[in-house]
Amino acid sequence: MKKIEIFDPAMCCSTGVCGPSVNPELIRVAAVVENLKKSGIHIIRHNLSSEPQAFVQNTIINAALNVKGTEILPVTMVDGAIVKEGGYLTNKEFAEYLQLDLDAVQSKPDTTQNSTCNCGSNDGCC
C-alpha cells in the first residue's frame, strides 16, 4: 500500500477554518485526507509550526528546504519520494498516486463539526 506524507507550511491548523479568512484549498485537502484515512490509506500531514522535528528528521525534506527554502511548502511525498512542491495534490493526483477511482478520493468536508485550532484562542480562531 502507498504511503503519502504532506509537509505543510507553518500554520495553526490544517483545516483552513481558522484565522481571518477561510482557505478552501485547505478545507478540500483536509476532507480528502480524512476520507482516505477512513478508507485505510496511510497518509500523514506534518505542520512546520507544530512538528518541526519531522522536517528535520526526513533527510529528503530537510535537503529540499535547505536548497529551496520554505517557499516549496507544502511538499507531498509518496513512498518516500517528493511528487509535488509548492501546492497540494489535486483530487485527480491523489487518485492517480493511490491507484484509486476519483470518486473514492472526493469528499465533502464535514461542516457540522466545530473546529478549533488548538492555538490558545478561546473563540477557535487563530
N, C-alpha and C. Protein backbone atom coordinates (compact mmCIF):
# COMPACT_ATOMS: atom_id res chain seq x y z
N MET A 1 0.83 -1.18 0.00
CA MET A 1 0.00 0.00 0.00
C MET A 1 0.88 1.25 0.00
N LYS A 2 0.46 2.26 -0.73
CA LYS A 2 1.20 3.51 -0.84
C LYS A 2 1.12 4.30 0.47
N LYS A 3 2.18 5.07 0.73
CA LYS A 3 2.22 5.94 1.90
C LYS A 3 2.40 7.38 1.40
N ILE A 4 1.51 8.26 1.86
CA ILE A 4 1.60 9.67 1.49
C ILE A 4 1.92 10.48 2.73
N GLU A 5 2.88 11.39 2.59
CA GLU A 5 3.20 12.35 3.64
C GLU A 5 3.11 13.74 3.05
N ILE A 6 2.41 14.62 3.76
CA ILE A 6 2.28 16.01 3.34
C ILE A 6 2.99 16.86 4.38
N PHE A 7 3.90 17.69 3.91
CA PHE A 7 4.65 18.59 4.77
C PHE A 7 4.10 20.00 4.53
N ASP A 8 3.28 20.45 5.49
CA ASP A 8 2.61 21.74 5.40
C ASP A 8 3.50 22.87 5.87
N PRO A 9 3.25 24.08 5.36
CA PRO A 9 3.95 25.24 5.92
C PRO A 9 3.46 25.50 7.34
N ALA A 10 4.10 26.42 8.03
CA ALA A 10 3.69 26.76 9.39
C ALA A 10 2.31 27.39 9.36
N MET A 11 1.38 26.78 10.09
CA MET A 11 0.03 27.31 10.23
C MET A 11 -0.56 26.76 11.52
N CYS A 12 -1.59 27.41 12.01
CA CYS A 12 -2.13 26.99 13.31
C CYS A 12 -2.99 25.75 13.20
N CYS A 13 -3.55 25.47 12.04
CA CYS A 13 -4.35 24.25 11.88
C CYS A 13 -4.37 23.85 10.41
N SER A 14 -4.69 22.61 10.15
CA SER A 14 -4.65 22.09 8.78
C SER A 14 -5.99 22.13 8.07
N THR A 15 -7.04 22.57 8.79
CA THR A 15 -8.37 22.53 8.18
C THR A 15 -8.70 23.75 7.35
N GLY A 16 -8.04 24.86 7.61
CA GLY A 16 -8.32 26.07 6.86
C GLY A 16 -9.50 26.86 7.36
N VAL A 17 -10.07 26.48 8.50
CA VAL A 17 -11.23 27.19 9.01
C VAL A 17 -10.90 28.07 10.21
N CYS A 18 -9.66 28.42 10.36
CA CYS A 18 -9.29 29.31 11.44
C CYS A 18 -8.63 30.54 10.85
N GLY A 19 -8.49 31.54 11.65
CA GLY A 19 -7.89 32.78 11.17
C GLY A 19 -8.92 33.68 10.53
N PRO A 20 -8.46 34.81 10.00
CA PRO A 20 -9.39 35.81 9.47
C PRO A 20 -10.06 35.42 8.16
N SER A 21 -9.45 34.52 7.40
CA SER A 21 -10.07 34.10 6.13
C SER A 21 -9.96 32.59 5.99
N VAL A 22 -10.96 32.01 5.36
CA VAL A 22 -11.01 30.57 5.16
C VAL A 22 -10.33 30.22 3.84
N ASN A 23 -9.44 29.24 3.86
CA ASN A 23 -8.76 28.80 2.66
C ASN A 23 -9.46 27.54 2.14
N PRO A 24 -10.21 27.65 1.04
CA PRO A 24 -10.95 26.49 0.54
C PRO A 24 -10.05 25.33 0.12
N GLU A 25 -8.83 25.61 -0.27
CA GLU A 25 -7.91 24.54 -0.66
C GLU A 25 -7.54 23.69 0.55
N LEU A 26 -7.33 24.31 1.69
CA LEU A 26 -7.02 23.57 2.91
C LEU A 26 -8.22 22.75 3.37
N ILE A 27 -9.41 23.28 3.20
CA ILE A 27 -10.62 22.54 3.55
C ILE A 27 -10.74 21.31 2.66
N ARG A 28 -10.48 21.47 1.35
CA ARG A 28 -10.55 20.34 0.43
C ARG A 28 -9.54 19.26 0.81
N VAL A 29 -8.30 19.67 1.05
CA VAL A 29 -7.25 18.70 1.37
C VAL A 29 -7.56 17.99 2.69
N ALA A 30 -8.01 18.74 3.69
CA ALA A 30 -8.35 18.12 4.98
C ALA A 30 -9.46 17.09 4.80
N ALA A 31 -10.45 17.40 3.98
CA ALA A 31 -11.56 16.47 3.74
C ALA A 31 -11.08 15.23 3.00
N VAL A 32 -10.23 15.41 1.99
CA VAL A 32 -9.70 14.27 1.23
C VAL A 32 -8.85 13.39 2.13
N VAL A 33 -7.99 14.00 2.94
CA VAL A 33 -7.12 13.23 3.84
C VAL A 33 -7.96 12.40 4.81
N GLU A 34 -8.97 13.01 5.41
CA GLU A 34 -9.83 12.27 6.35
C GLU A 34 -10.56 11.14 5.64
N ASN A 35 -11.05 11.40 4.44
CA ASN A 35 -11.73 10.37 3.66
C ASN A 35 -10.80 9.20 3.35
N LEU A 36 -9.57 9.52 2.97
CA LEU A 36 -8.59 8.46 2.66
C LEU A 36 -8.21 7.67 3.90
N LYS A 37 -8.04 8.36 5.02
CA LYS A 37 -7.72 7.66 6.28
C LYS A 37 -8.83 6.69 6.65
N LYS A 38 -10.07 7.12 6.50
CA LYS A 38 -11.22 6.25 6.81
C LYS A 38 -11.26 5.04 5.89
N SER A 39 -10.66 5.18 4.71
CA SER A 39 -10.60 4.07 3.76
C SER A 39 -9.39 3.18 3.98
N GLY A 40 -8.58 3.49 5.01
CA GLY A 40 -7.43 2.66 5.33
C GLY A 40 -6.13 3.07 4.65
N ILE A 41 -6.12 4.21 3.99
CA ILE A 41 -4.90 4.69 3.32
C ILE A 41 -3.98 5.30 4.37
N HIS A 42 -2.68 5.01 4.27
CA HIS A 42 -1.68 5.54 5.19
C HIS A 42 -1.27 6.93 4.69
N ILE A 43 -1.79 7.95 5.35
CA ILE A 43 -1.50 9.33 4.96
C ILE A 43 -1.26 10.16 6.22
N ILE A 44 -0.20 10.94 6.19
CA ILE A 44 0.21 11.73 7.35
C ILE A 44 0.47 13.16 6.89
N ARG A 45 0.03 14.10 7.72
CA ARG A 45 0.35 15.51 7.48
C ARG A 45 1.24 16.01 8.61
N HIS A 46 2.28 16.75 8.23
CA HIS A 46 3.18 17.36 9.21
C HIS A 46 3.09 18.87 9.05
N ASN A 47 2.89 19.56 10.16
CA ASN A 47 2.80 21.01 10.16
C ASN A 47 4.11 21.58 10.69
N LEU A 48 4.72 22.48 9.94
CA LEU A 48 6.02 23.02 10.33
C LEU A 48 5.99 23.68 11.70
N SER A 49 4.89 24.34 12.05
CA SER A 49 4.86 25.02 13.34
C SER A 49 4.69 24.07 14.52
N SER A 50 4.00 22.95 14.32
CA SER A 50 3.77 22.04 15.45
C SER A 50 4.65 20.79 15.42
N GLU A 51 5.24 20.48 14.29
CA GLU A 51 6.10 19.29 14.17
C GLU A 51 7.40 19.58 13.41
N PRO A 52 8.17 20.57 13.84
CA PRO A 52 9.39 20.89 13.10
C PRO A 52 10.38 19.73 13.03
N GLN A 53 10.34 18.84 14.02
CA GLN A 53 11.26 17.71 14.05
C GLN A 53 11.04 16.78 12.86
N ALA A 54 9.81 16.65 12.38
CA ALA A 54 9.52 15.80 11.24
C ALA A 54 10.23 16.32 9.98
N PHE A 55 10.37 17.64 9.88
CA PHE A 55 11.03 18.26 8.73
C PHE A 55 12.54 18.07 8.82
N VAL A 56 13.06 18.06 10.04
CA VAL A 56 14.50 17.89 10.26
C VAL A 56 14.89 16.42 10.07
N GLN A 57 14.07 15.51 10.59
CA GLN A 57 14.41 14.09 10.55
C GLN A 57 14.28 13.47 9.16
N ASN A 58 13.41 14.02 8.32
CA ASN A 58 13.28 13.49 6.96
C ASN A 58 14.37 14.13 6.11
N THR A 59 15.38 13.34 5.77
CA THR A 59 16.55 13.88 5.08
C THR A 59 16.22 14.47 3.71
N ILE A 60 15.24 13.92 3.02
CA ILE A 60 14.86 14.45 1.71
C ILE A 60 14.21 15.82 1.85
N ILE A 61 13.28 15.94 2.79
CA ILE A 61 12.61 17.23 3.03
C ILE A 61 13.61 18.25 3.56
N ASN A 62 14.44 17.83 4.49
CA ASN A 62 15.45 18.71 5.06
C ASN A 62 16.36 19.28 3.97
N ALA A 63 16.84 18.42 3.08
CA ALA A 63 17.71 18.86 1.99
C ALA A 63 16.98 19.81 1.05
N ALA A 64 15.75 19.49 0.71
CA ALA A 64 14.98 20.35 -0.19
C ALA A 64 14.76 21.73 0.42
N LEU A 65 14.45 21.77 1.71
CA LEU A 65 14.25 23.05 2.39
C LEU A 65 15.55 23.85 2.46
N ASN A 66 16.67 23.17 2.70
CA ASN A 66 17.96 23.86 2.76
C ASN A 66 18.33 24.47 1.42
N VAL A 67 17.97 23.82 0.32
CA VAL A 67 18.30 24.32 -1.01
C VAL A 67 17.29 25.35 -1.49
N LYS A 68 16.00 25.07 -1.31
CA LYS A 68 14.95 25.88 -1.92
C LYS A 68 14.20 26.79 -0.96
N GLY A 69 14.33 26.55 0.34
CA GLY A 69 13.63 27.36 1.33
C GLY A 69 12.20 26.91 1.56
N THR A 70 11.54 27.56 2.50
CA THR A 70 10.18 27.17 2.87
C THR A 70 9.15 27.51 1.81
N GLU A 71 9.54 28.25 0.79
CA GLU A 71 8.61 28.58 -0.30
C GLU A 71 8.11 27.35 -1.03
N ILE A 72 8.82 26.22 -0.90
CA ILE A 72 8.39 25.00 -1.59
C ILE A 72 7.25 24.29 -0.87
N LEU A 73 6.95 24.72 0.37
CA LEU A 73 5.87 24.08 1.12
C LEU A 73 4.52 24.53 0.60
N PRO A 74 3.54 23.68 0.57
CA PRO A 74 3.55 22.29 1.01
C PRO A 74 4.28 21.38 0.02
N VAL A 75 4.84 20.31 0.58
CA VAL A 75 5.50 19.28 -0.22
C VAL A 75 4.80 17.96 0.05
N THR A 76 4.54 17.22 -1.01
CA THR A 76 3.91 15.90 -0.86
C THR A 76 4.89 14.83 -1.30
N MET A 77 5.01 13.80 -0.46
CA MET A 77 5.84 12.65 -0.77
C MET A 77 4.95 11.41 -0.89
N VAL A 78 5.27 10.58 -1.85
CA VAL A 78 4.60 9.28 -2.00
C VAL A 78 5.69 8.23 -1.94
N ASP A 79 5.56 7.32 -0.99
CA ASP A 79 6.54 6.25 -0.79
C ASP A 79 7.97 6.79 -0.71
N GLY A 80 8.14 7.91 0.01
CA GLY A 80 9.47 8.44 0.26
C GLY A 80 10.06 9.31 -0.82
N ALA A 81 9.31 9.60 -1.88
CA ALA A 81 9.81 10.45 -2.96
C ALA A 81 8.92 11.67 -3.10
N ILE A 82 9.54 12.83 -3.30
CA ILE A 82 8.77 14.05 -3.50
C ILE A 82 8.07 13.98 -4.85
N VAL A 83 6.75 14.20 -4.82
CA VAL A 83 5.98 14.19 -6.07
C VAL A 83 5.40 15.57 -6.40
N LYS A 84 5.34 16.45 -5.40
CA LYS A 84 4.83 17.80 -5.67
C LYS A 84 5.35 18.77 -4.63
N GLU A 85 5.74 19.95 -5.10
CA GLU A 85 6.20 21.04 -4.25
C GLU A 85 5.37 22.28 -4.54
N GLY A 86 5.17 23.10 -3.51
CA GLY A 86 4.54 24.39 -3.69
C GLY A 86 3.03 24.37 -3.87
N GLY A 87 2.40 23.25 -3.63
CA GLY A 87 0.95 23.15 -3.74
C GLY A 87 0.50 21.76 -3.33
N TYR A 88 -0.78 21.64 -3.08
CA TYR A 88 -1.34 20.36 -2.68
C TYR A 88 -1.74 19.54 -3.90
N LEU A 89 -1.73 18.21 -3.75
CA LEU A 89 -2.20 17.34 -4.81
C LEU A 89 -3.66 17.65 -5.11
N THR A 90 -4.01 17.60 -6.37
CA THR A 90 -5.41 17.70 -6.75
C THR A 90 -6.09 16.38 -6.42
N ASN A 91 -7.40 16.35 -6.44
CA ASN A 91 -8.11 15.09 -6.21
C ASN A 91 -7.69 14.06 -7.25
N LYS A 92 -7.53 14.51 -8.49
CA LYS A 92 -7.11 13.60 -9.57
C LYS A 92 -5.71 13.04 -9.29
N GLU A 93 -4.81 13.88 -8.80
CA GLU A 93 -3.45 13.41 -8.48
C GLU A 93 -3.47 12.42 -7.32
N PHE A 94 -4.27 12.71 -6.28
CA PHE A 94 -4.41 11.74 -5.18
C PHE A 94 -4.85 10.39 -5.75
N ALA A 95 -5.86 10.41 -6.60
CA ALA A 95 -6.39 9.17 -7.17
C ALA A 95 -5.33 8.45 -7.99
N GLU A 96 -4.58 9.19 -8.80
CA GLU A 96 -3.55 8.57 -9.64
C GLU A 96 -2.44 7.95 -8.80
N TYR A 97 -1.92 8.68 -7.82
CA TYR A 97 -0.83 8.16 -6.99
C TYR A 97 -1.27 6.97 -6.15
N LEU A 98 -2.53 6.96 -5.73
CA LEU A 98 -3.03 5.87 -4.91
C LEU A 98 -3.70 4.77 -5.72
N GLN A 99 -3.75 4.97 -7.02
CA GLN A 99 -4.37 4.00 -7.94
C GLN A 99 -5.81 3.70 -7.50
N LEU A 100 -6.57 4.79 -7.29
CA LEU A 100 -7.97 4.71 -6.89
C LEU A 100 -8.84 5.41 -7.92
N ASP A 101 -10.12 5.10 -7.89
CA ASP A 101 -11.07 5.86 -8.69
C ASP A 101 -11.19 7.25 -8.10
N LEU A 102 -11.42 8.23 -8.94
CA LEU A 102 -11.56 9.60 -8.47
C LEU A 102 -12.69 9.72 -7.45
N ASP A 103 -13.77 8.98 -7.63
CA ASP A 103 -14.89 9.02 -6.68
C ASP A 103 -14.47 8.59 -5.28
N ALA A 104 -13.50 7.71 -5.18
CA ALA A 104 -13.04 7.23 -3.87
C ALA A 104 -12.27 8.31 -3.12
N VAL A 105 -11.74 9.28 -3.86
CA VAL A 105 -10.92 10.33 -3.27
C VAL A 105 -11.77 11.53 -2.88
N GLN A 106 -12.72 11.88 -3.70
CA GLN A 106 -13.50 13.09 -3.47
C GLN A 106 -14.34 12.96 -2.22
N SER A 107 -14.38 14.05 -1.49
CA SER A 107 -15.12 14.05 -0.25
C SER A 107 -15.60 15.46 0.03
N LYS A 108 -16.72 15.56 0.63
CA LYS A 108 -17.23 16.85 1.07
C LYS A 108 -16.85 17.02 2.53
N PRO A 109 -16.34 18.18 2.91
CA PRO A 109 -15.97 18.40 4.31
C PRO A 109 -17.18 18.35 5.22
N ASP A 110 -16.95 17.89 6.45
CA ASP A 110 -18.00 17.83 7.46
C ASP A 110 -18.12 19.22 8.08
N THR A 111 -19.15 19.94 7.71
CA THR A 111 -19.33 21.30 8.20
C THR A 111 -20.16 21.33 9.48
N THR A 112 -20.55 20.17 9.99
CA THR A 112 -21.34 20.13 11.21
C THR A 112 -20.48 20.19 12.45
N GLN A 113 -19.18 19.93 12.30
CA GLN A 113 -18.28 19.93 13.46
C GLN A 113 -17.76 21.33 13.71
N ASN A 114 -17.57 21.65 14.96
CA ASN A 114 -16.91 22.88 15.34
C ASN A 114 -15.42 22.61 15.31
N SER A 115 -14.66 23.43 14.64
CA SER A 115 -13.22 23.22 14.55
C SER A 115 -12.50 24.27 15.37
N THR A 116 -11.50 23.82 16.10
CA THR A 116 -10.63 24.75 16.79
C THR A 116 -9.21 24.46 16.38
N CYS A 117 -8.41 25.44 16.53
CA CYS A 117 -7.04 25.34 16.07
C CYS A 117 -6.06 24.92 17.16
N ASN A 118 -6.53 24.84 18.38
CA ASN A 118 -5.65 24.49 19.50
C ASN A 118 -4.47 25.44 19.61
N CYS A 119 -4.75 26.69 19.37
CA CYS A 119 -3.67 27.68 19.43
C CYS A 119 -3.83 28.61 20.62
N GLY A 120 -4.74 28.27 21.53
CA GLY A 120 -4.91 29.05 22.73
C GLY A 120 -6.02 30.08 22.64
N SER A 121 -6.63 30.23 21.50
CA SER A 121 -7.71 31.19 21.36
C SER A 121 -9.01 30.59 21.87
N ASN A 122 -9.74 31.33 22.67
CA ASN A 122 -10.99 30.83 23.21
C ASN A 122 -12.11 30.79 22.19
N ASP A 123 -12.01 31.57 21.11
CA ASP A 123 -13.08 31.60 20.14
C ASP A 123 -12.82 30.68 18.95
N GLY A 124 -11.77 29.85 19.00
CA GLY A 124 -11.49 28.89 17.94
C GLY A 124 -10.84 29.52 16.73
N CYS A 125 -10.43 30.77 16.82
CA CYS A 125 -9.84 31.46 15.68
C CYS A 125 -8.41 31.84 16.03
N CYS A 126 -7.51 31.52 15.15
CA CYS A 126 -6.09 31.82 15.42
C CYS A 126 -5.73 33.18 14.93
